[in-house]
Amino acid sequence: MKIFSFSLPIPTIDDALVNALYGRYSDMSIGSHHGQMYVACDREAACLESAIDSAVTDLWAMGIHPLRIELDIPELAA
């Protein structure tokens, strides 16, 4: 298993839902950038697709619907 990092921009959610998310998932954190809320994930899985799928499924179960997926792709040395 490997840890995959990615962000999921989400619609604005209230503090109760933020606290519920923190209480349930230790591999997710909530942030905001230029007025856009997002969930940052460090999800352990066999592959990136499984990591994203499980995180999105977990958020949907809480009534949070991600807007898109953002990956941090490291720059390669020239």
PDB file of N, CA and C in Angstrom:
ATOM      1  N   MET A   1       0.847  -1.178   0.000  1.00  0.00           N
ATOM      2  CA  MET A   1       0.000   0.000   0.000  1.00  0.00           C
ATOM      3  C   MET A   1       0.896   1.246   0.000  1.00  0.00           C
ATOM      4  N   LYS A   2       0.391   2.283  -0.603  1.00  0.00           N
ATOM      5  CA  LYS A   2       1.120   3.541  -0.740  1.00  0.00           C
ATOM      6  C   LYS A   2       0.182   4.675  -0.351  1.00  0.00           C
ATOM      7  N   ILE A   3       0.742   5.792   0.078  1.00  0.00           N
ATOM      8  CA  ILE A   3      -0.067   6.964   0.423  1.00  0.00           C
ATOM      9  C   ILE A   3      -0.086   7.912  -0.772  1.00  0.00           C
ATOM     10  N   PHE A   4      -1.301   8.284  -1.182  1.00  0.00           N
ATOM     11  CA  PHE A   4      -1.507   9.192  -2.303  1.00  0.00           C
ATOM     12  C   PHE A   4      -2.078  10.504  -1.778  1.00  0.00           C
ATOM     13  N   SER A   5      -1.537  11.625  -2.250  1.00  0.00           N
ATOM     14  CA  SER A   5      -1.985  12.952  -1.817  1.00  0.00           C
ATOM     15  C   SER A   5      -2.694  13.660  -2.966  1.00  0.00           C
ATOM     16  N   PHE A   6      -3.840  14.235  -2.642  1.00  0.00           N
ATOM     17  CA  PHE A   6      -4.629  14.966  -3.627  1.00  0.00           C
ATOM     18  C   PHE A   6      -5.605  15.859  -2.886  1.00  0.00           C
ATOM     19  N   SER A   7      -6.182  16.816  -3.608  1.00  0.00           N
ATOM     20  CA  SER A   7      -7.158  17.741  -3.033  1.00  0.00           C
ATOM     21  C   SER A   7      -8.469  17.636  -3.793  1.00  0.00           C
ATOM     22  N   LEU A   8      -9.548  17.837  -3.053  1.00  0.00           N
ATOM     23  CA  LEU A   8     -10.888  17.802  -3.625  1.00  0.00           C
ATOM     24  C   LEU A   8     -11.598  19.105  -3.278  1.00  0.00           C
ATOM     25  N   PRO A   9     -11.649  20.071  -4.202  1.00  0.00           N
ATOM     26  CA  PRO A   9     -12.426  21.280  -3.941  1.00  0.00           C
ATOM     27  C   PRO A   9     -13.888  20.902  -3.703  1.00  0.00           C
ATOM     28  N   ILE A  10     -14.497  21.567  -2.717  1.00  0.00           N
ATOM     29  CA  ILE A  10     -15.877  21.255  -2.337  1.00  0.00           C
ATOM     30  C   ILE A  10     -16.673  22.545  -2.182  1.00  0.00           C
ATOM     31  N   PRO A  11     -18.001  22.447  -2.249  1.00  0.00           N
ATOM     32  CA  PRO A  11     -18.824  23.617  -1.919  1.00  0.00           C
ATOM     33  C   PRO A  11     -18.610  23.967  -0.443  1.00  0.00           C
ATOM     34  N   THR A  12     -18.930  25.174  -0.067  1.00  0.00           N
ATOM     35  CA  THR A  12     -18.799  25.597   1.327  1.00  0.00           C
ATOM     36  C   THR A  12     -19.679  24.732   2.223  1.00  0.00           C
ATOM     37  N   ILE A  13     -19.090  24.262   3.338  1.00  0.00           N
ATOM     38  CA  ILE A  13     -19.837  23.463   4.309  1.00  0.00           C
ATOM     39  C   ILE A  13     -19.771  24.146   5.668  1.00  0.00           C
ATOM     40  N   ASP A  14     -20.711  23.820   6.550  1.00  0.00           N
ATOM     41  CA  ASP A  14     -20.749  24.471   7.856  1.00  0.00           C
ATOM     42  C   ASP A  14     -19.785  23.806   8.838  1.00  0.00           C
ATOM     43  N   ASP A  15     -19.581  24.482   9.986  1.00  0.00           N
ATOM     44  CA  ASP A  15     -18.624  24.006  10.986  1.00  0.00           C
ATOM     45  C   ASP A  15     -18.978  22.626  11.528  1.00  0.00           C
ATOM     46  N   ALA A  16     -20.254  22.328  11.658  1.00  0.00           N
ATOM     47  CA  ALA A  16     -20.665  21.021  12.177  1.00  0.00           C
ATOM     48  C   ALA A  16     -20.199  19.904  11.242  1.00  0.00           C
ATOM     49  N   LEU A  17     -20.313  20.127   9.951  1.00  0.00           N
ATOM     50  CA  LEU A  17     -19.880  19.118   8.987  1.00  0.00           C
ATOM     51  C   LEU A  17     -18.355  19.023   8.932  1.00  0.00           C
ATOM     52  N   VAL A  18     -17.676  20.154   9.077  1.00  0.00           N
ATOM     53  CA  VAL A  18     -16.212  20.148   9.149  1.00  0.00           C
ATOM     54  C   VAL A  18     -15.770  19.308  10.342  1.00  0.00           C
ATOM     55  N   ASN A  19     -16.372  19.549  11.505  1.00  0.00           N
ATOM     56  CA  ASN A  19     -16.009  18.796  12.706  1.00  0.00           C
ATOM     57  C   ASN A  19     -16.318  17.314  12.561  1.00  0.00           C
ATOM     58  N   ALA A  20     -17.436  16.987  11.929  1.00  0.00           N
ATOM     59  CA  ALA A  20     -17.792  15.585  11.706  1.00  0.00           C
ATOM     60  C   ALA A  20     -16.765  14.906  10.804  1.00  0.00           C
ATOM     61  N   LEU A  21     -16.310  15.622   9.782  1.00  0.00           N
ATOM     62  CA  LEU A  21     -15.314  15.057   8.880  1.00  0.00           C
ATOM     63  C   LEU A  21     -14.006  14.798   9.621  1.00  0.00           C
ATOM     64  N   TYR A  22     -13.563  15.773  10.431  1.00  0.00           N
ATOM     65  CA  TYR A  22     -12.334  15.584  11.208  1.00  0.00           C
ATOM     66  C   TYR A  22     -12.471  14.427  12.188  1.00  0.00           C
ATOM     67  N   GLY A  23     -13.653  14.260  12.762  1.00  0.00           N
ATOM     68  CA  GLY A  23     -13.867  13.181  13.717  1.00  0.00           C
ATOM     69  C   GLY A  23     -13.881  11.806  13.082  1.00  0.00           C
ATOM     70  N   ARG A  24     -14.185  11.746  11.810  1.00  0.00           N
ATOM     71  CA  ARG A  24     -14.337  10.455  11.137  1.00  0.00           C
ATOM     72  C   ARG A  24     -13.114  10.041  10.322  1.00  0.00           C
ATOM     73  N   TYR A  25     -12.413  11.001   9.708  1.00  0.00           N
ATOM     74  CA  TYR A  25     -11.330  10.657   8.781  1.00  0.00           C
ATOM     75  C   TYR A  25     -10.035  11.366   9.171  1.00  0.00           C
ATOM     76  N   SER A  26      -9.077  10.594   9.652  1.00  0.00           N
ATOM     77  CA  SER A  26      -7.810  11.182  10.089  1.00  0.00           C
ATOM     78  C   SER A  26      -6.887  11.510   8.915  1.00  0.00           C
ATOM     79  N   ASP A  27      -7.212  11.030   7.721  1.00  0.00           N
ATOM     80  CA  ASP A  27      -6.359  11.297   6.561  1.00  0.00           C
ATOM     81  C   ASP A  27      -6.874  12.443   5.692  1.00  0.00           C
ATOM     82  N   MET A  28      -7.859  13.190   6.210  1.00  0.00           N
ATOM     83  CA  MET A  28      -8.409  14.332   5.478  1.00  0.00           C
ATOM     84  C   MET A  28      -8.316  15.590   6.328  1.00  0.00           C
ATOM     85  N   SER A  29      -8.067  16.715   5.672  1.00  0.00           N
ATOM     86  CA  SER A  29      -8.115  18.003   6.359  1.00  0.00           C
ATOM     87  C   SER A  29      -8.826  18.998   5.444  1.00  0.00           C
ATOM     88  N   ILE A  30      -9.425  20.005   6.074  1.00  0.00           N
ATOM     89  CA  ILE A  30     -10.203  21.015   5.350  1.00  0.00           C
ATOM     90  C   ILE A  30      -9.399  22.306   5.287  1.00  0.00           C
ATOM     91  N   GLY A  31      -9.449  22.962   4.157  1.00  0.00           N
ATOM     92  CA  GLY A  31      -8.796  24.246   4.010  1.00  0.00           C
ATOM     93  C   GLY A  31      -9.597  25.140   3.079  1.00  0.00           C
ATOM     94  N   SER A  32      -9.074  26.341   2.884  1.00  0.00           N
ATOM     95  CA  SER A  32      -9.706  27.290   1.976  1.00  0.00           C
ATOM     96  C   SER A  32      -8.603  28.071   1.279  1.00  0.00           C
ATOM     97  N   HIS A  33      -8.775  28.294  -0.011  1.00  0.00           N
ATOM     98  CA  HIS A  33      -7.797  29.042  -0.792  1.00  0.00           C
ATOM     99  C   HIS A  33      -8.560  29.923  -1.771  1.00  0.00           C
ATOM    100  N   HIS A  34      -8.373  31.232  -1.653  1.00  0.00           N
ATOM    101  CA  HIS A  34      -9.083  32.199  -2.503  1.00  0.00           C
ATOM    102  C   HIS A  34     -10.591  31.976  -2.460  1.00  0.00           C
ATOM    103  N   GLY A  35     -11.102  31.703  -1.259  1.00  0.00           N
ATOM    104  CA  GLY A  35     -12.539  31.542  -1.073  1.00  0.00           C
ATOM    105  C   GLY A  35     -13.102  30.182  -1.444  1.00  0.00           C
ATOM    106  N   GLN A  36     -12.262  29.273  -1.915  1.00  0.00           N
ATOM    107  CA  GLN A  36     -12.713  27.928  -2.296  1.00  0.00           C
ATOM    108  C   GLN A  36     -12.320  26.928  -1.208  1.00  0.00           C
ATOM    109  N   MET A  37     -13.305  26.267  -0.616  1.00  0.00           N
ATOM    110  CA  MET A  37     -13.008  25.216   0.360  1.00  0.00           C
ATOM    111  C   MET A  37     -12.520  23.975  -0.376  1.00  0.00           C
ATOM    112  N   TYR A  38     -11.655  23.218   0.297  1.00  0.00           N
ATOM    113  CA  TYR A  38     -11.173  21.969  -0.278  1.00  0.00           C
ATOM    114  C   TYR A  38     -10.882  20.971   0.832  1.00  0.00           C
ATOM    115  N   VAL A  39     -10.866  19.711   0.463  1.00  0.00           N
ATOM    116  CA  VAL A  39     -10.451  18.642   1.357  1.00  0.00           C
ATOM    117  C   VAL A  39      -9.115  18.137   0.830  1.00  0.00           C
ATOM    118  N   ALA A  40      -8.082  18.198   1.658  1.00  0.00           N
ATOM    119  CA  ALA A  40      -6.778  17.644   1.305  1.00  0.00           C
ATOM    120  C   ALA A  40      -6.719  16.227   1.862  1.00  0.00           C
ATOM    121  N   CYS A  41      -6.345  15.287   1.014  1.00  0.00           N
ATOM    122  CA  CYS A  41      -6.336  13.875   1.404  1.00  0.00           C
ATOM    123  C   CYS A  41      -4.931  13.296   1.288  1.00  0.00           C
ATOM    124  N   ASP A  42      -4.584  12.469   2.250  1.00  0.00           N
ATOM    125  CA  ASP A  42      -3.390  11.630   2.206  1.00  0.00           C
ATOM    126  C   ASP A  42      -3.891  10.215   2.442  1.00  0.00           C
ATOM    127  N   ARG A  43      -4.376   9.586   1.383  1.00  0.00           N
ATOM    128  CA  ARG A  43      -5.114   8.318   1.480  1.00  0.00           C
ATOM    129  C   ARG A  43      -4.216   7.137   1.123  1.00  0.00           C
ATOM    130  N   GLU A  44      -4.200   6.135   1.997  1.00  0.00           N
ATOM    131  CA  GLU A  44      -3.449   4.910   1.745  1.00  0.00           C
ATOM    132  C   GLU A  44      -4.304   3.963   0.905  1.00  0.00           C
ATOM    133  N   ALA A  45      -3.714   3.478  -0.181  1.00  0.00           N
ATOM    134  CA  ALA A  45      -4.436   2.573  -1.077  1.00  0.00           C
ATOM    135  C   ALA A  45      -3.432   1.855  -1.973  1.00  0.00           C
ATOM    136  N   ALA A  46      -3.931   0.867  -2.688  1.00  0.00           N
ATOM    137  CA  ALA A  46      -3.077   0.114  -3.605  1.00  0.00           C
ATOM    138  C   ALA A  46      -2.707   0.930  -4.843  1.00  0.00           C
ATOM    139  N   CYS A  47      -3.601   1.843  -5.261  1.00  0.00           N
ATOM    140  CA  CYS A  47      -3.340   2.665  -6.440  1.00  0.00           C
ATOM    141  C   CYS A  47      -4.058   4.006  -6.285  1.00  0.00           C
ATOM    142  N   LEU A  48      -3.683   4.969  -7.110  1.00  0.00           N
ATOM    143  CA  LEU A  48      -4.274   6.304  -7.046  1.00  0.00           C
ATOM    144  C   LEU A  48      -5.776   6.252  -7.274  1.00  0.00           C
ATOM    145  N   GLU A  49      -6.219   5.466  -8.241  1.00  0.00           N
ATOM    146  CA  GLU A  49      -7.649   5.374  -8.532  1.00  0.00           C
ATOM    147  C   GLU A  49      -8.441   4.907  -7.310  1.00  0.00           C
ATOM    148  N   SER A  50      -7.933   3.922  -6.603  1.00  0.00           N
ATOM    149  CA  SER A  50      -8.613   3.425  -5.401  1.00  0.00           C
ATOM    150  C   SER A  50      -8.625   4.471  -4.295  1.00  0.00           C
ATOM    151  N   ALA A  51      -7.526   5.209  -4.160  1.00  0.00           N
ATOM    152  CA  ALA A  51      -7.448   6.253  -3.135  1.00  0.00           C
ATOM    153  C   ALA A  51      -8.489   7.335  -3.391  1.00  0.00           C
ATOM    154  N   ILE A  52      -8.568   7.797  -4.630  1.00  0.00           N
ATOM    155  CA  ILE A  52      -9.534   8.840  -4.984  1.00  0.00           C
ATOM    156  C   ILE A  52     -10.956   8.323  -4.834  1.00  0.00           C
ATOM    157  N   ASP A  53     -11.210   7.122  -5.332  1.00  0.00           N
ATOM    158  CA  ASP A  53     -12.551   6.543  -5.262  1.00  0.00           C
ATOM    159  C   ASP A  53     -13.026   6.413  -3.821  1.00  0.00           C
ATOM    160  N   SER A  54     -12.165   5.934  -2.933  1.00  0.00           N
ATOM    161  CA  SER A  54     -12.590   5.759  -1.540  1.00  0.00           C
ATOM    162  C   SER A  54     -12.818   7.101  -0.849  1.00  0.00           C
ATOM    163  N   ALA A  55     -11.981   8.100  -1.143  1.00  0.00           N
ATOM    164  CA  ALA A  55     -12.162   9.421  -0.532  1.00  0.00           C
ATOM    165  C   ALA A  55     -13.454  10.076  -1.017  1.00  0.00           C
ATOM    166  N   VAL A  56     -13.711  10.005  -2.314  1.00  0.00           N
ATOM    167  CA  VAL A  56     -14.943  10.592  -2.862  1.00  0.00           C
ATOM    168  C   VAL A  56     -16.161   9.872  -2.300  1.00  0.00           C
ATOM    169  N   THR A  57     -16.100   8.552  -2.204  1.00  0.00           N
ATOM    170  CA  THR A  57     -17.204   7.776  -1.627  1.00  0.00           C
ATOM    171  C   THR A  57     -17.455   8.184  -0.185  1.00  0.00           C
ATOM    172  N   ASP A  58     -16.387   8.367   0.593  1.00  0.00           N
ATOM    173  CA  ASP A  58     -16.530   8.793   1.991  1.00  0.00           C
ATOM    174  C   ASP A  58     -17.182  10.170   2.082  1.00  0.00           C
ATOM    175  N   LEU A  59     -16.768  11.094   1.224  1.00  0.00           N
ATOM    176  CA  LEU A  59     -17.355  12.437   1.245  1.00  0.00           C
ATOM    177  C   LEU A  59     -18.820  12.406   0.826  1.00  0.00           C
ATOM    178  N   TRP A  60     -19.140  11.652  -0.218  1.00  0.00           N
ATOM    179  CA  TRP A  60     -20.539  11.544  -0.653  1.00  0.00           C
ATOM    180  C   TRP A  60     -21.402  10.998   0.472  1.00  0.00           C
ATOM    181  N   ALA A  61     -20.875  10.041   1.245  1.00  0.00           N
ATOM    182  CA  ALA A  61     -21.634   9.456   2.357  1.00  0.00           C
ATOM    183  C   ALA A  61     -21.967  10.499   3.418  1.00  0.00           C
ATOM    184  N   MET A  62     -21.160  11.565   3.486  1.00  0.00           N
ATOM    185  CA  MET A  62     -21.407  12.644   4.440  1.00  0.00           C
ATOM    186  C   MET A  62     -22.216  13.782   3.817  1.00  0.00           C
ATOM    187  N   GLY A  63     -22.589  13.634   2.560  1.00  0.00           N
ATOM    188  CA  GLY A  63     -23.353  14.676   1.880  1.00  0.00           C
ATOM    189  C   GLY A  63     -22.493  15.769   1.278  1.00  0.00           C
ATOM    190  N   ILE A  64     -21.192  15.511   1.145  1.00  0.00           N
ATOM    191  CA  ILE A  64     -20.257  16.473   0.563  1.00  0.00           C
ATOM    192  C   ILE A  64     -19.931  16.000  -0.850  1.00  0.00           C
ATOM    193  N   HIS A  65     -20.152  16.869  -1.830  1.00  0.00           N
ATOM    194  CA  HIS A  65     -19.968  16.482  -3.228  1.00  0.00           C
ATOM    195  C   HIS A  65     -18.797  17.253  -3.841  1.00  0.00           C
ATOM    196  N   PRO A  66     -17.624  16.605  -3.962  1.00  0.00           N
ATOM    197  CA  PRO A  66     -16.455  17.277  -4.532  1.00  0.00           C
ATOM    198  C   PRO A  66     -16.739  17.819  -5.928  1.00  0.00           C
ATOM    199  N   LEU A  67     -16.120  18.951  -6.223  1.00  0.00           N
ATOM    200  CA  LEU A  67     -16.304  19.609  -7.515  1.00  0.00           C
ATOM    201  C   LEU A  67     -15.366  19.056  -8.584  1.00  0.00           C
ATOM    202  N   ARG A  68     -14.170  18.629  -8.165  1.00  0.00           N
ATOM    203  CA  ARG A  68     -13.175  18.069  -9.084  1.00  0.00           C
ATOM    204  C   ARG A  68     -12.047  17.465  -8.242  1.00  0.00           C
ATOM    205  N   ILE A  69     -11.062  16.928  -8.901  1.00  0.00           N
ATOM    206  CA  ILE A  69      -9.890  16.347  -8.245  1.00  0.00           C
ATOM    207  C   ILE A  69      -8.676  17.166  -8.665  1.00  0.00           C
ATOM    208  N   GLU A  70      -7.820  17.495  -7.699  1.00  0.00           N
ATOM    209  CA  GLU A  70      -6.579  18.207  -8.004  1.00  0.00           C
ATOM    210  C   GLU A  70      -5.413  17.386  -7.474  1.00  0.00           C
ATOM    211  N   LEU A  71      -4.455  17.116  -8.345  1.00  0.00           N
ATOM    212  CA  LEU A  71      -3.282  16.337  -7.975  1.00  0.00           C
ATOM    213  C   LEU A  71      -2.068  17.243  -7.892  1.00  0.00           C
ATOM    214  N   ASP A  72      -1.217  16.992  -6.914  1.00  0.00           N
ATOM    215  CA  ASP A  72       0.065  17.681  -6.830  1.00  0.00           C
ATOM    216  C   ASP A  72       1.080  16.799  -7.544  1.00  0.00           C
ATOM    217  N   ILE A  73       1.501  17.235  -8.716  1.00  0.00           N
ATOM    218  CA  ILE A  73       2.452  16.456  -9.497  1.00  0.00           C
ATOM    219  C   ILE A  73       3.815  17.120  -9.350  1.00  0.00           C
ATOM    220  N   PRO A  74       4.768  16.394  -8.764  1.00  0.00           N
ATOM    221  CA  PRO A  74       6.093  16.996  -8.571  1.00  0.00           C
ATOM    222  C   PRO A  74       6.777  17.271  -9.910  1.00  0.00           C
ATOM    223  N   GLU A  75       7.544  18.348  -9.925  1.00  0.00           N
ATOM    224  CA  GLU A  75       8.287  18.679 -11.139  1.00  0.00           C
ATOM    225  C   GLU A  75       9.462  17.725 -11.273  1.00  0.00           C
ATOM    226  N   LEU A  76       9.754  17.348 -12.477  1.00  0.00           N
ATOM    227  CA  LEU A  76      10.892  16.482 -12.735  1.00  0.00           C
ATOM    228  C   LEU A  76      12.133  17.337 -12.930  1.00  0.00           C
ATOM    229  N   ALA A  77      13.258  16.842 -12.459  1.00  0.00           N
ATOM    230  CA  ALA A  77      14.513  17.566 -12.629  1.00  0.00           C
ATOM    231  C   ALA A  77      14.884  17.595 -14.105  1.00  0.00           C
ATOM    232  N   ALA A  78      15.411  18.723 -14.543  1.00  0.00           N
ATOM    233  CA  ALA A  78      15.781  18.861 -15.963  1.00  0.00           C
ATOM    234  C   ALA A  78      17.096  18.187 -16.258  1.00  0.00           C
TER     235      ALA A  78
END
